[in-house]
C-alpha atoms as a PDB file:
ATOM      1  CA  MET A   1     113.951 104.095  80.951  1.00  0.00           C
ATOM      2  CA  ILE A   2     113.745 107.794  81.668  1.00  0.00           C
ATOM      3  CA  LYS A   3     114.357 109.989  78.643  1.00  0.00           C
ATOM      4  CA  ASP A   4     114.166 113.439  80.256  1.00  0.00           C
ATOM      5  CA  ALA A   5     114.177 114.478  83.930  1.00  0.00           C
ATOM      6  CA  ASP A   6     111.791 117.410  83.470  1.00  0.00           C
ATOM      7  CA  SER A   7     109.134 115.456  81.598  1.00  0.00           C
ATOM      8  CA  PHE A   8     109.446 112.457  83.931  1.00  0.00           C
ATOM      9  CA  CYS A   9     108.947 114.643  87.015  1.00  0.00           C
ATOM     10  CA  HIS A  10     106.077 116.440  85.302  1.00  0.00           C
ATOM     11  CA  GLU A  11     104.381 113.085  84.678  1.00  0.00           C
ATOM     12  CA  VAL A  12     104.894 112.007  88.305  1.00  0.00           C
ATOM     13  CA  GLU A  13     103.547 115.352  89.502  1.00  0.00           C
ATOM     14  CA  ARG A  14     100.496 115.044  87.252  1.00  0.00           C
ATOM     15  CA  PHE A  15      99.956 111.459  88.429  1.00  0.00           C
ATOM     16  CA  SER A  16     100.208 112.517  92.082  1.00  0.00           C
ATOM     17  CA  GLN A  17      97.709 115.319  91.462  1.00  0.00           C
ATOM     18  CA  HIS A  18     100.363 117.930  92.299  1.00  0.00           C
ATOM     19  CA  GLN A  19     101.411 116.442  95.632  1.00  0.00           C
ATOM     20  CA  LEU A  20     105.162 116.641  95.042  1.00  0.00           C
ATOM     21  CA  LEU A  21     106.829 118.729  97.732  1.00  0.00           C
ATOM     22  CA  VAL A  22     110.388 119.193  96.427  1.00  0.00           C
ATOM     23  CA  LYS A  23     110.027 118.693  92.680  1.00  0.00           C
ATOM     24  CA  SER A  24     113.209 120.573  91.721  1.00  0.00           C
ATOM     25  CA  ASP A  25     115.332 118.354  93.964  1.00  0.00           C
ATOM     26  CA  LEU A  26     113.582 115.280  92.620  1.00  0.00           C
ATOM     27  CA  GLN A  27     114.511 116.498  89.119  1.00  0.00           C
ATOM     28  CA  THR A  28     118.108 116.821  90.281  1.00  0.00           C
ATOM     29  CA  LEU A  29     118.081 113.185  91.420  1.00  0.00           C
ATOM     30  CA  VAL A  30     116.518 112.034  88.155  1.00  0.00           C
ATOM     31  CA  SER A  31     119.101 114.012  86.175  1.00  0.00           C
ATOM     32  CA  SER A  32     121.883 112.464  88.247  1.00  0.00           C
ATOM     33  CA  ALA A  33     120.474 109.014  87.557  1.00  0.00           C
ATOM     34  CA  ILE A  34     120.317 109.693  83.815  1.00  0.00           C
ATOM     35  CA  ASN A  35     123.784 111.259  83.658  1.00  0.00           C
ATOM     36  CA  SER A  36     125.433 108.489  85.677  1.00  0.00           C
ATOM     37  CA  LEU A  37     123.509 105.767  83.837  1.00  0.00           C
ATOM     38  CA  ASN A  38     122.206 104.641  87.212  1.00  0.00           C
ATOM     39  CA  GLU A  39     118.436 104.655  86.884  1.00  0.00           C
ATOM     40  CA  GLU A  40     118.333 101.277  88.604  1.00  0.00           C
ATOM     41  CA  LEU A  41     119.767 102.852  91.758  1.00  0.00           C
ATOM     42  CA  PHE A  42     117.287 105.737  91.507  1.00  0.00           C
ATOM     43  CA  PHE A  43     114.363 103.322  91.331  1.00  0.00           C
ATOM     44  CA  SER A  44     115.850 101.305  94.193  1.00  0.00           C
ATOM     45  CA  ILE A  45     115.896 104.510  96.249  1.00  0.00           C
ATOM     46  CA  ALA A  46     112.255 105.127  95.318  1.00  0.00           C
ATOM     47  CA  PHE A  47     111.363 101.576  96.416  1.00  0.00           C
ATOM     48  CA  THR A  48     113.129 102.048  99.757  1.00  0.00           C
ATOM     49  CA  ALA A  49     111.502 105.468 100.195  1.00  0.00           C
ATOM     50  CA  LYS A  50     108.042 103.951  99.769  1.00  0.00           C
ATOM     51  CA  TYR A  51     108.916 101.269 102.317  1.00  0.00           C
ATOM     52  CA  VAL A  52     110.273 103.853 104.787  1.00  0.00           C
ATOM     53  CA  GLN A  53     107.164 105.997 104.390  1.00  0.00           C
ATOM     54  CA  GLY A  54     105.088 102.925 105.261  1.00  0.00           C
ATOM     55  CA  LEU A  55     107.209 102.240 108.346  1.00  0.00           C
ATOM     56  CA  LEU A  56     106.834 105.856 109.456  1.00  0.00           C
ATOM     57  CA  ARG A  57     103.051 105.602 109.084  1.00  0.00           C
ATOM     58  CA  VAL A  58     103.021 102.412 111.185  1.00  0.00           C
ATOM     59  CA  ILE A  59     105.096 104.077 113.901  1.00  0.00           C
ATOM     60  CA  GLN A  60     102.754 107.083 113.926  1.00  0.00           C
ATOM     61  CA  GLN A  61      99.769 104.766 114.373  1.00  0.00           C
ATOM     62  CA  ALA A  62     101.439 102.639 117.054  1.00  0.00           C
ATOM     63  CA  GLY A  63     100.132 104.758 119.916  1.00  0.00           C
ATOM     64  CA  THR A  64      96.509 104.429 118.864  1.00  0.00           C
ATOM     65  CA  ASN A  65      96.518 100.962 117.318  1.00  0.00           C
ATOM     66  CA  PRO A  66      96.962  98.111 119.830  1.00  0.00           C
ATOM     67  CA  GLU A  67      97.361  95.608 116.976  1.00  0.00           C
ATOM     68  CA  ILE A  68     100.800  97.004 116.172  1.00  0.00           C
ATOM     69  CA  LYS A  69     103.294  94.745 117.902  1.00  0.00           C
ATOM     70  CA  ASN A  70     107.094  94.512 117.745  1.00  0.00           C
ATOM     71  CA  LEU A  71     107.626  98.269 117.602  1.00  0.00           C
ATOM     72  CA  ARG A  72     111.311  97.760 118.403  1.00  0.00           C
ATOM     73  CA  GLN A  73     111.783  95.671 115.244  1.00  0.00           C
ATOM     74  CA  ILE A  74     109.916  98.247 113.164  1.00  0.00           C
ATOM     75  CA  LYS A  75     112.165 101.028 114.499  1.00  0.00           C
ATOM     76  CA  ASN A  76     115.279  98.937 113.804  1.00  0.00           C
ATOM     77  CA  ASP A  77     114.028  98.298 110.276  1.00  0.00           C
ATOM     78  CA  LEU A  78     113.409 102.030 109.855  1.00  0.00           C
ATOM     79  CA  THR A  79     116.935 102.884 111.016  1.00  0.00           C
ATOM     80  CA  GLU A  80     118.456 100.318 108.673  1.00  0.00           C
ATOM     81  CA  ASN A  81     116.501 101.568 105.678  1.00  0.00           C
ATOM     82  CA  MET A  82     117.185 105.241 106.443  1.00  0.00           C
ATOM     83  CA  GLU A  83     120.897 104.406 106.466  1.00  0.00           C
ATOM     84  CA  LYS A  84     120.436 102.626 103.123  1.00  0.00           C
ATOM     85  CA  ILE A  85     118.678 105.636 101.592  1.00  0.00           C
ATOM     86  CA  THR A  86     121.391 107.977 102.846  1.00  0.00           C
ATOM     87  CA  ALA A  87     124.143 105.793 101.402  1.00  0.00           C
ATOM     88  CA  ASP A  88     122.279 105.315  98.114  1.00  0.00           C
ATOM     89  CA  LEU A  89     121.618 109.050  97.727  1.00  0.00           C
ATOM     90  CA  ASN A  90     125.313 109.733  98.293  1.00  0.00           C
ATOM     91  CA  THR A  91     126.184 107.100  95.685  1.00  0.00           C
ATOM     92  CA  LEU A  92     123.685 108.488  93.173  1.00  0.00           C
ATOM     93  CA  LEU A  93     125.012 112.013  93.624  1.00  0.00           C
ATOM     94  CA  ALA A  94     128.710 111.038  93.676  1.00  0.00           C
ATOM     95  CA  ASP A  95     129.309 112.211  90.098  1.00  0.00           C
ATOM     96  CA  SER A  96     127.222 115.387  90.477  1.00  0.00           C
ATOM     97  CA  ALA A  97     128.706 118.837  90.869  1.00  0.00           C
ATOM     98  CA  LYS A  98     130.200 119.596  94.257  1.00  0.00           C
ATOM     99  CA  GLU A  99     127.520 122.262  94.907  1.00  0.00           C
ATOM    100  CA  VAL A 100     124.756 119.713  94.310  1.00  0.00           C
ATOM    101  CA  ARG A 101     126.348 117.166  96.649  1.00  0.00           C
ATOM    102  CA  GLU A 102     126.824 119.778  99.355  1.00  0.00           C
ATOM    103  CA  LYS A 103     123.262 121.062  98.969  1.00  0.00           C
ATOM    104  CA  PHE A 104     121.803 117.574  99.384  1.00  0.00           C
ATOM    105  CA  LYS A 105     124.115 116.783 102.273  1.00  0.00           C
ATOM    106  CA  GLU A 106     123.114 119.944 104.122  1.00  0.00           C
ATOM    107  CA  LYS A 107     119.424 119.974 103.185  1.00  0.00           C
ATOM    108  CA  TYR A 108     118.590 116.267 103.480  1.00  0.00           C
ATOM    109  CA  LEU A 109     121.382 114.257 105.047  1.00  0.00           C
ATOM    110  CA  ALA A 110     122.626 116.322 107.992  1.00  0.00           C
ATOM    111  CA  LEU A 111     121.747 115.043 111.447  1.00  0.00           C
ATOM    112  CA  THR A 112     119.329 117.850 112.292  1.00  0.00           C
ATOM    113  CA  ALA A 113     115.595 118.044 112.813  1.00  0.00           C
ATOM    114  CA  GLU A 114     115.306 120.372 109.815  1.00  0.00           C
ATOM    115  CA  SER A 115     117.191 117.968 107.552  1.00  0.00           C
ATOM    116  CA  PHE A 116     115.006 115.084 108.718  1.00  0.00           C
ATOM    117  CA  ALA A 117     111.878 117.125 107.931  1.00  0.00           C
ATOM    118  CA  ASN A 118     113.310 117.918 104.494  1.00  0.00           C
ATOM    119  CA  LEU A 119     114.188 114.258 103.960  1.00  0.00           C
ATOM    120  CA  ARG A 120     110.597 113.305 104.762  1.00  0.00           C
ATOM    121  CA  MET A 121     109.451 115.639 101.968  1.00  0.00           C
ATOM    122  CA  LEU A 122     111.935 114.078  99.553  1.00  0.00           C
ATOM    123  CA  LEU A 123     110.795 110.594 100.613  1.00  0.00           C
ATOM    124  CA  ASN A 124     107.220 111.674  99.891  1.00  0.00           C
ATOM    125  CA  ASP A 125     108.173 112.580  96.335  1.00  0.00           C
ATOM    126  CA  LEU A 126     110.205 109.416  95.868  1.00  0.00           C
ATOM    127  CA  GLU A 127     107.249 107.383  97.131  1.00  0.00           C
ATOM    128  CA  TRP A 128     105.152 108.985  94.389  1.00  0.00           C
ATOM    129  CA  VAL A 129     107.811 107.928  91.870  1.00  0.00           C
ATOM    130  CA  LYS A 130     107.442 104.319  93.029  1.00  0.00           C
ATOM    131  CA  ILE A 131     103.637 104.458  92.950  1.00  0.00           C
ATOM    132  CA  TYR A 132     103.805 105.952  89.452  1.00  0.00           C
ATOM    133  CA  GLN A 133     106.258 103.265  88.352  1.00  0.00           C
ATOM    134  CA  ASN A 134     103.960 100.551  89.737  1.00  0.00           C
ATOM    135  CA  GLN A 135     101.013 102.052  87.855  1.00  0.00           C
ATOM    136  CA  LEU A 136     102.993 102.046  84.598  1.00  0.00           C
ATOM    137  CA  LYS A 137     103.822  98.366  85.103  1.00  0.00           C
ATOM    138  CA  ARG A 138     100.162  97.523  85.653  1.00  0.00           C
ATOM    139  CA  THR A 139      99.010  99.301  82.499  1.00  0.00           C
ATOM    140  CA  LYS A 140     101.547  97.578  80.211  1.00  0.00           C
END
């Protein structure tokens, strides 16, 4: 259970050795999760983000790694999970202020190259959340 968005994000940032790229927006998502009592959805988004980041790495390596087969299936899986993340982010932010929803829609969810690049940065941070969460589970 997350008690405070700022301290949680600070812990993730410390754990990642300061590799978070859009910490303030990550804090916004954490705050939304706390305020809407929907931390489970937030952590589900982090899980999917980690999975998507892995798929993107596989696709990037596909040209140089002949062992990577079924690229079509990997791309289909990526599309499906990107749609899931988009829908889940919209759900998580549904009770947020209109300005917050519009900012996320424009910055991360629009169908532009810039938005996709921004989304990749957010996915990076969410992947760190999942790695951090996994580490906490191992140390308990």
